[in-house]
Each structure stands twice: as C-alpha cells, then as structure tokens.
Amino acid sequence: MEQEQTKSQKVKRFIKEVQRVLRITKKPNKTEFASIVKVTGLGLIIIGSIGFLIFVLKQVLF
C-alpha cells in the first residue's frame, strides 16, 4: 500500500513538472527557428566531417 502511494505521488509530481514546463515554453518565431536550423545543420556538418576524416585516415593508415 505504501509503495502505491509513492508511485501515485511520483506520477502527480511528474504531471506538475510537465505542466510547468509547458507553461514556460513558447513556439519559436521564424528568425529563432531559422537560427536553430542553421546551428543544428552546422553541427551536423562538422560532426559528419570529423567522422569522415577519421574514416579516411583509418583507410589510408591501416
């Protein structure tokens, strides 16, 4: 019985946290979205380039 209460308390606390986060967050406008897309794309390109360089170096050296 005690474990049931703690589970229900955890669920209630989680729901309150989710509601709090949803109240705070907002939909980004077009400029914010564009900058997020640019930064994410740049990060993907950089990480992909590093992976490709490691792959090429591995093929050349071994």
C-alpha atoms as a PDB file:
ATOM      1  CA  MET A   1       0.000   0.000   0.000  1.00  0.00           C
ATOM      2  CA  GLU A   2       2.825   2.362   0.872  1.00  0.00           C
ATOM      3  CA  GLN A   3       4.506   1.685  -2.462  1.00  0.00           C
ATOM      4  CA  GLU A   4       1.265   2.514  -4.294  1.00  0.00           C
ATOM      5  CA  GLN A   5       1.164   5.945  -2.636  1.00  0.00           C
ATOM      6  CA  THR A   6       4.731   6.714  -3.577  1.00  0.00           C
ATOM      7  CA  LYS A   7       4.056   5.727  -7.196  1.00  0.00           C
ATOM      8  CA  SER A   8       0.981   7.924  -7.339  1.00  0.00           C
ATOM      9  CA  GLN A   9       2.910  10.770  -5.734  1.00  0.00           C
ATOM     10  CA  LYS A  10       5.670  10.385  -8.314  1.00  0.00           C
ATOM     11  CA  VAL A  11       3.127  10.453 -11.136  1.00  0.00           C
ATOM     12  CA  LYS A  12       1.426  13.554  -9.714  1.00  0.00           C
ATOM     13  CA  ARG A  13       4.789  15.300  -9.277  1.00  0.00           C
ATOM     14  CA  PHE A  14       5.773  14.388 -12.835  1.00  0.00           C
ATOM     15  CA  ILE A  15       2.485  15.762 -14.206  1.00  0.00           C
ATOM     16  CA  LYS A  16       3.021  19.023 -12.292  1.00  0.00           C
ATOM     17  CA  GLU A  17       6.539  19.332 -13.713  1.00  0.00           C
ATOM     18  CA  VAL A  18       5.281  18.708 -17.256  1.00  0.00           C
ATOM     19  CA  GLN A  19       2.579  21.347 -16.830  1.00  0.00           C
ATOM     20  CA  ARG A  20       5.151  23.828 -15.509  1.00  0.00           C
ATOM     21  CA  VAL A  21       7.464  23.249 -18.461  1.00  0.00           C
ATOM     22  CA  LEU A  22       4.613  23.573 -20.957  1.00  0.00           C
ATOM     23  CA  ARG A  23       3.549  26.892 -19.397  1.00  0.00           C
ATOM     24  CA  ILE A  24       7.089  28.283 -19.641  1.00  0.00           C
ATOM     25  CA  THR A  25       7.895  27.167 -23.183  1.00  0.00           C
ATOM     26  CA  LYS A  26       6.768  29.007 -26.278  1.00  0.00           C
ATOM     27  CA  LYS A  27       6.742  28.422 -30.001  1.00  0.00           C
ATOM     28  CA  PRO A  28       9.791  29.989 -31.699  1.00  0.00           C
ATOM     29  CA  ASN A  29       9.241  32.716 -34.269  1.00  0.00           C
ATOM     30  CA  LYS A  30      10.645  32.457 -37.804  1.00  0.00           C
ATOM     31  CA  THR A  31      14.009  34.070 -37.038  1.00  0.00           C
ATOM     32  CA  GLU A  32      14.572  31.915 -33.951  1.00  0.00           C
ATOM     33  CA  PHE A  33      13.634  28.799 -35.902  1.00  0.00           C
ATOM     34  CA  ALA A  34      15.949  29.753 -38.776  1.00  0.00           C
ATOM     35  CA  SER A  35      18.882  30.276 -36.416  1.00  0.00           C
ATOM     36  CA  ILE A  36      18.186  26.944 -34.685  1.00  0.00           C
ATOM     37  CA  VAL A  37      18.136  25.184 -38.066  1.00  0.00           C
ATOM     38  CA  LYS A  38      21.405  26.870 -39.109  1.00  0.00           C
ATOM     39  CA  VAL A  39      23.222  25.958 -35.902  1.00  0.00           C
ATOM     40  CA  THR A  40      21.924  22.374 -35.999  1.00  0.00           C
ATOM     41  CA  GLY A  41      22.903  21.984 -39.658  1.00  0.00           C
ATOM     42  CA  LEU A  42      26.360  23.401 -38.986  1.00  0.00           C
ATOM     43  CA  GLY A  43      26.815  20.977 -36.092  1.00  0.00           C
ATOM     44  CA  LEU A  44      25.779  18.035 -38.268  1.00  0.00           C
ATOM     45  CA  ILE A  45      28.213  19.080 -40.989  1.00  0.00           C
ATOM     46  CA  ILE A  46      31.080  19.475 -38.518  1.00  0.00           C
ATOM     47  CA  ILE A  47      30.455  16.132 -36.806  1.00  0.00           C
ATOM     48  CA  GLY A  48      29.996  14.388 -40.155  1.00  0.00           C
ATOM     49  CA  SER A  49      33.233  15.895 -41.471  1.00  0.00           C
ATOM     50  CA  ILE A  50      35.148  14.744 -38.414  1.00  0.00           C
ATOM     51  CA  GLY A  51      33.734  11.238 -38.798  1.00  0.00           C
ATOM     52  CA  PHE A  52      34.599  11.197 -42.485  1.00  0.00           C
ATOM     53  CA  LEU A  53      38.163  12.362 -41.809  1.00  0.00           C
ATOM     54  CA  ILE A  54      38.624   9.657 -39.188  1.00  0.00           C
ATOM     55  CA  PHE A  55      37.286   7.067 -41.644  1.00  0.00           C
ATOM     56  CA  VAL A  56      39.614   8.244 -44.431  1.00  0.00           C
ATOM     57  CA  LEU A  57      42.636   8.325 -42.112  1.00  0.00           C
ATOM     58  CA  LYS A  58      41.813   4.816 -40.915  1.00  0.00           C
ATOM     59  CA  GLN A  59      41.584   3.568 -44.520  1.00  0.00           C
ATOM     60  CA  VAL A  60      44.860   5.230 -45.522  1.00  0.00           C
ATOM     61  CA  LEU A  61      46.887   4.230 -42.478  1.00  0.00           C
ATOM     62  CA  PHE A  62      45.651   0.657 -41.964  1.00  0.00           C
END
